[in-house]
Amino acid sequence: MFSLQDREVNLCSQNLDEKILDQKIKGGIDRKGVRFSQDGTVRFAPKGSYIIGEMPANKLAEDCAMIAQYGVEGAKLMAEASATRINNPITYGWDIKENKSPEPIAPTLTENNGRLHFNQINSEFARDGFAFGLSASSAQKI
């Protein structure tokens, strides 16, 4: 699973070719099983290093998909937030077939039935939820 940090909010116009993404993470650093590009904007979590489905809240901090999407500290925060719910969190994802072109998928978060739901939405499928924050570099802090 590749995760791109899209600070300019132009993901749909970026080249998502897997070979180019592979080159970007070469020479990067490994953090808890996730390969980060040198500039930190491209991250890769190998298949089998993350769980799709329900898991104990404390496992979110170790889940490579969470680390790829939110960073090491962000994954810890998601685990802490999930631990405040009465039920275990659930992550949803896509099983992209080999040799299929990657497409942009945006992470969202919902709370329902006493648990956090970490969703992934694309252009064909939408869930109720809130996208993680996007802001322009000139945005004023509140």
Protein backbone atom coordinates (compact mmCIF):
# COMPACT_ATOMS: atom_id res chain seq x y z
CA MET A 1 0.00 0.00 0.00
CA PHE A 2 1.41 3.36 -1.00
CA SER A 3 0.41 6.48 0.89
CA LEU A 4 1.16 9.93 -0.51
CA GLN A 5 1.15 13.03 1.63
CA ASP A 6 -0.54 15.50 -0.71
CA ARG A 7 0.18 18.91 0.79
CA GLU A 8 -0.87 20.73 -2.38
CA VAL A 9 -4.16 18.79 -2.71
CA ASN A 10 -3.46 17.79 -6.31
CA LEU A 11 -3.34 14.00 -5.95
CA CYS A 12 -5.62 13.40 -8.92
CA SER A 13 -3.10 15.11 -11.18
CA GLN A 14 -0.08 13.22 -9.79
CA ASN A 15 1.43 10.24 -11.57
CA LEU A 16 0.55 7.17 -9.52
CA ASP A 17 2.70 4.78 -11.55
CA GLU A 18 3.91 2.05 -9.17
CA LYS A 19 7.43 2.06 -10.63
CA ILE A 20 7.78 5.79 -10.00
CA LEU A 21 6.45 5.38 -6.46
CA ASP A 22 8.92 2.53 -5.88
CA GLN A 23 11.78 4.78 -7.00
CA LYS A 24 10.66 7.53 -4.63
CA ILE A 25 10.94 5.25 -1.58
CA LYS A 26 14.35 3.84 -2.56
CA GLY A 27 17.00 5.29 -0.30
CA GLY A 28 14.36 6.27 2.22
CA ILE A 29 14.13 5.17 5.83
CA ASP A 30 12.23 2.34 7.52
CA ARG A 31 10.00 3.22 10.46
CA LYS A 32 8.25 0.32 12.18
CA GLY A 33 8.00 -1.69 8.95
CA VAL A 34 6.94 1.20 6.72
CA ARG A 35 9.31 2.60 4.10
CA PHE A 36 9.29 6.43 4.00
CA SER A 37 10.76 8.40 1.08
CA GLN A 38 13.60 10.75 2.01
CA ASP A 39 11.24 13.74 2.04
CA GLY A 40 8.54 11.74 3.88
CA THR A 41 5.85 12.37 1.27
CA VAL A 42 5.64 8.80 -0.08
CA ARG A 43 5.21 5.83 2.23
CA PHE A 44 4.89 2.13 1.57
CA ALA A 45 3.41 -0.61 3.77
CA PRO A 46 3.87 -4.13 2.37
CA LYS A 47 0.87 -6.42 2.02
CA GLY A 48 0.52 -8.50 5.17
CA SER A 49 1.82 -5.72 7.43
CA TYR A 50 -1.62 -4.30 8.09
CA ILE A 51 -5.07 -5.53 9.01
CA ILE A 52 -8.33 -4.80 7.23
CA GLY A 53 -11.13 -5.33 9.72
CA GLU A 54 -11.56 -5.20 13.49
CA MET A 55 -8.52 -5.07 15.76
CA PRO A 56 -7.76 -4.12 19.36
CA ALA A 57 -7.24 -0.36 19.74
CA ASN A 58 -3.64 -0.78 20.94
CA LYS A 59 -2.78 -2.59 17.67
CA LEU A 60 -3.51 0.53 15.59
CA ALA A 61 -0.23 2.10 16.70
CA GLU A 62 1.64 -0.90 15.21
CA ASP A 63 -0.47 -1.32 12.07
CA CYS A 64 1.64 -0.43 9.02
CA ALA A 65 -1.30 1.04 7.04
CA MET A 66 -2.02 3.43 9.92
CA ILE A 67 1.68 4.35 10.15
CA ALA A 68 1.88 4.87 6.37
CA GLN A 69 -1.16 7.13 6.37
CA TYR A 70 -0.68 9.09 9.60
CA GLY A 71 2.96 8.63 10.60
CA VAL A 72 4.24 6.92 13.74
CA GLU A 73 2.89 9.59 16.10
CA GLY A 74 -0.41 9.88 14.23
CA ALA A 75 -0.96 6.11 14.47
CA LYS A 76 -0.37 6.33 18.23
CA LEU A 77 -2.96 9.12 18.48
CA MET A 78 -5.48 7.05 16.51
CA ALA A 79 -4.87 4.15 18.90
CA GLU A 80 -5.38 6.42 21.92
CA ALA A 81 -8.61 7.83 20.48
CA SER A 82 -9.86 4.32 19.66
CA ALA A 83 -9.15 3.17 23.21
CA THR A 84 -11.74 5.66 24.48
CA ARG A 85 -14.54 3.78 22.66
CA ILE A 86 -16.28 0.73 24.10
CA ASN A 87 -15.74 -1.40 20.95
CA ASN A 88 -12.62 -2.16 18.93
CA PRO A 89 -11.89 -0.01 15.87
CA ILE A 90 -12.43 -1.29 12.34
CA THR A 91 -10.36 -0.42 9.29
CA TYR A 92 -11.79 -0.70 5.80
CA GLY A 93 -9.73 -0.93 2.65
CA TRP A 94 -9.57 -2.02 -0.93
CA ASP A 95 -8.14 -5.20 -2.38
CA ILE A 96 -6.46 -3.82 -5.49
CA LYS A 97 -5.65 -6.57 -7.95
CA GLU A 98 -2.10 -6.92 -9.23
CA ASN A 99 -1.33 -5.06 -12.47
CA LYS A 100 -4.29 -2.72 -11.91
CA SER A 101 -3.45 0.96 -11.97
CA PRO A 102 -3.45 2.58 -8.54
CA GLU A 103 -6.04 5.24 -7.89
CA PRO A 104 -6.41 7.97 -5.29
CA ILE A 105 -8.24 6.90 -2.14
CA ALA A 106 -8.93 9.32 0.69
CA PRO A 107 -8.99 8.27 4.37
CA THR A 108 -12.03 9.20 6.45
CA LEU A 109 -13.00 8.62 10.06
CA THR A 110 -16.44 7.95 11.55
CA GLU A 111 -17.68 6.94 14.99
CA ASN A 112 -20.58 4.50 15.17
CA ASN A 113 -21.74 1.84 17.62
CA GLY A 114 -19.09 2.78 20.16
CA ARG A 115 -16.13 2.33 17.82
CA LEU A 116 -14.02 4.30 15.38
CA HIS A 117 -14.25 3.33 11.70
CA PHE A 118 -11.22 4.09 9.53
CA ASN A 119 -12.65 4.18 6.01
CA GLN A 120 -11.14 4.59 2.57
CA ILE A 121 -13.16 6.29 -0.15
CA ASN A 122 -12.57 6.55 -3.86
CA SER A 123 -14.50 8.05 -6.76
CA GLU A 124 -16.84 5.03 -6.99
CA PHE A 125 -17.60 4.49 -3.31
CA ALA A 126 -18.43 6.98 -0.61
CA ARG A 127 -19.15 6.48 3.07
CA ASP A 128 -20.43 8.98 5.55
CA GLY A 129 -17.49 10.47 7.36
CA PHE A 130 -15.05 13.26 7.68
CA ALA A 131 -11.94 13.57 5.55
CA PHE A 132 -8.74 14.26 7.41
CA GLY A 133 -7.81 17.92 7.34
CA LEU A 134 -6.57 19.69 4.26
CA SER A 135 -5.31 23.23 4.34
CA ALA A 136 -3.55 25.69 2.14
CA SER A 137 -0.06 26.76 3.21
CA SER A 138 -1.40 30.29 3.71
CA ALA A 139 -4.24 29.16 5.99
CA GLN A 140 -4.46 30.91 9.30
CA LYS A 141 -4.29 28.85 12.50
CA ILE A 142 -7.45 28.96 14.59
